Amino acid sequence: MDTLTVSEVARESGASGSAIRFYERQGLIVASRTSGNQRRFGPDAACRVRVARVAQRIGLSVGEIRDLLGALPPEPALVDWQRLHAQLTAEAERRIAELHAALDDIRSGRRLCDL
């Protein structure tokens, strides 16, 4: 199996090296160690980081992202990534609807509080 270094995952995912190490500490990606104690990541690590970054932009917490990625099998197939895509899309749409409802409340002209 091909493995990737921190810098390779960073380059492929568009994240910084420190972000890669953060995601590893948080359990979003997993690394093995070489005899020289260098991190080595699996071939899907960059994809998992890209998913995590999008999920953060949607507003998911690190714990929610960990659960989302943790539901993937060790070697995800295309159908697994498609299911995750559908989950993220549905969550983003749900949050957008909530924000539109809040915006409607703000624009309604009703007083939000009595001072």
Protein backbone atom coordinates (compact mmCIF):
# COMPACT_ATOMS: atom_id res chain seq x y z
CA MET A 1 0.00 0.00 0.00
CA ASP A 2 1.29 3.45 -0.88
CA THR A 3 1.57 5.83 2.03
CA LEU A 4 1.75 9.60 2.12
CA THR A 5 3.79 11.99 4.23
CA VAL A 6 2.32 14.98 6.05
CA SER A 7 3.51 17.30 3.28
CA GLU A 8 2.02 15.09 0.56
CA VAL A 9 -1.36 14.98 2.30
CA ALA A 10 -1.17 18.74 2.83
CA ARG A 11 -0.38 19.35 -0.84
CA GLU A 12 -3.13 17.01 -2.09
CA SER A 13 -5.76 18.37 0.30
CA GLY A 14 -4.89 22.06 0.17
CA ALA A 15 -4.43 22.17 3.96
CA SER A 16 -1.36 23.14 5.94
CA GLY A 17 0.92 20.63 7.61
CA SER A 18 -0.22 21.83 11.01
CA ALA A 19 -3.85 21.22 9.97
CA ILE A 20 -2.95 17.66 8.95
CA ARG A 21 -1.40 17.03 12.35
CA PHE A 22 -4.47 18.60 14.03
CA TYR A 23 -6.81 16.33 12.08
CA GLU A 24 -4.71 13.35 13.13
CA ARG A 25 -4.79 14.39 16.82
CA GLN A 26 -8.56 14.76 16.57
CA GLY A 27 -8.95 11.28 15.07
CA LEU A 28 -10.18 12.44 11.66
CA ILE A 29 -7.29 10.76 9.88
CA VAL A 30 -4.96 7.99 11.04
CA ALA A 31 -1.22 7.72 10.56
CA SER A 32 1.21 4.91 11.10
CA ARG A 33 4.79 5.64 12.08
CA THR A 34 8.00 4.70 10.34
CA SER A 35 11.02 3.38 12.23
CA GLY A 36 12.22 7.02 12.22
CA ASN A 37 8.90 8.07 13.86
CA GLN A 38 7.65 9.89 10.74
CA ARG A 39 3.91 9.90 10.04
CA ARG A 40 2.59 7.95 7.07
CA PHE A 41 -1.01 8.23 5.94
CA GLY A 42 -3.17 6.00 3.77
CA PRO A 43 -4.06 6.93 0.21
CA ASP A 44 -7.47 8.37 1.14
CA ALA A 45 -6.14 10.75 3.83
CA ALA A 46 -6.23 13.81 1.55
CA CYS A 47 -9.82 13.05 0.59
CA ARG A 48 -10.79 12.74 4.26
CA VAL A 49 -9.13 16.10 4.96
CA ARG A 50 -11.00 17.76 2.09
CA VAL A 51 -14.27 16.32 3.42
CA ALA A 52 -13.41 17.55 6.92
CA ARG A 53 -12.69 21.04 5.66
CA VAL A 54 -16.00 21.23 3.79
CA ALA A 55 -17.83 19.85 6.82
CA GLN A 56 -16.23 22.55 8.99
CA ARG A 57 -17.42 25.21 6.55
CA ILE A 58 -20.95 23.78 6.81
CA GLY A 59 -20.64 24.22 10.56
CA LEU A 60 -20.11 20.68 11.81
CA SER A 61 -18.07 20.28 14.97
CA VAL A 62 -14.91 18.20 15.06
CA GLY A 63 -16.84 15.50 16.93
CA GLU A 64 -19.56 15.43 14.27
CA ILE A 65 -16.93 15.20 11.54
CA ARG A 66 -15.18 12.40 13.43
CA ASP A 67 -18.47 10.47 13.58
CA LEU A 68 -19.15 11.11 9.90
CA LEU A 69 -15.71 9.91 8.79
CA GLY A 70 -15.74 7.11 11.36
CA ALA A 71 -18.80 5.62 9.67
CA LEU A 72 -16.73 5.02 6.52
CA PRO A 73 -15.24 1.55 6.09
CA PRO A 74 -11.43 1.23 6.26
CA GLU A 75 -11.20 1.25 2.46
CA PRO A 76 -14.21 3.25 1.24
CA ALA A 77 -15.69 2.44 -2.14
CA LEU A 78 -17.24 5.02 -4.44
CA VAL A 79 -20.70 4.28 -3.04
CA ASP A 80 -19.44 5.09 0.48
CA TRP A 81 -18.12 8.49 -0.63
CA GLN A 82 -21.39 9.13 -2.49
CA ARG A 83 -23.38 8.38 0.68
CA LEU A 84 -21.17 10.78 2.64
CA HIS A 85 -21.64 13.42 -0.09
CA ALA A 86 -25.42 13.04 0.21
CA GLN A 87 -25.24 13.37 4.01
CA LEU A 88 -23.15 16.55 3.80
CA THR A 89 -25.43 18.02 1.15
CA ALA A 90 -28.55 17.31 3.24
CA GLU A 91 -26.94 18.81 6.35
CA ALA A 92 -25.84 21.93 4.47
CA GLU A 93 -29.35 22.38 3.05
CA ARG A 94 -30.91 21.90 6.49
CA ARG A 95 -28.62 24.54 8.01
CA ILE A 96 -29.27 26.96 5.15
CA ALA A 97 -33.04 26.57 5.72
CA GLU A 98 -32.54 27.34 9.43
CA LEU A 99 -30.52 30.44 8.55
CA HIS A 100 -33.19 31.60 6.09
CA ALA A 101 -35.81 31.19 8.82
CA ALA A 102 -33.68 33.25 11.21
CA LEU A 103 -33.18 35.91 8.54
CA ASP A 104 -36.95 36.02 7.98
CA ASP A 105 -37.40 36.61 11.73
CA ILE A 106 -34.91 39.46 11.63
CA ARG A 107 -36.51 41.05 8.58
CA SER A 108 -40.09 40.61 9.83
CA GLY A 109 -40.10 43.95 11.57
CA ARG A 110 -41.17 42.35 14.85
CA ARG A 111 -39.22 43.47 17.83
CA LEU A 112 -36.82 40.77 18.93
CA CYS A 113 -36.67 42.10 22.47
CA ASP A 114 -38.19 44.74 24.68
CA LEU A 115 -35.65 47.05 26.26
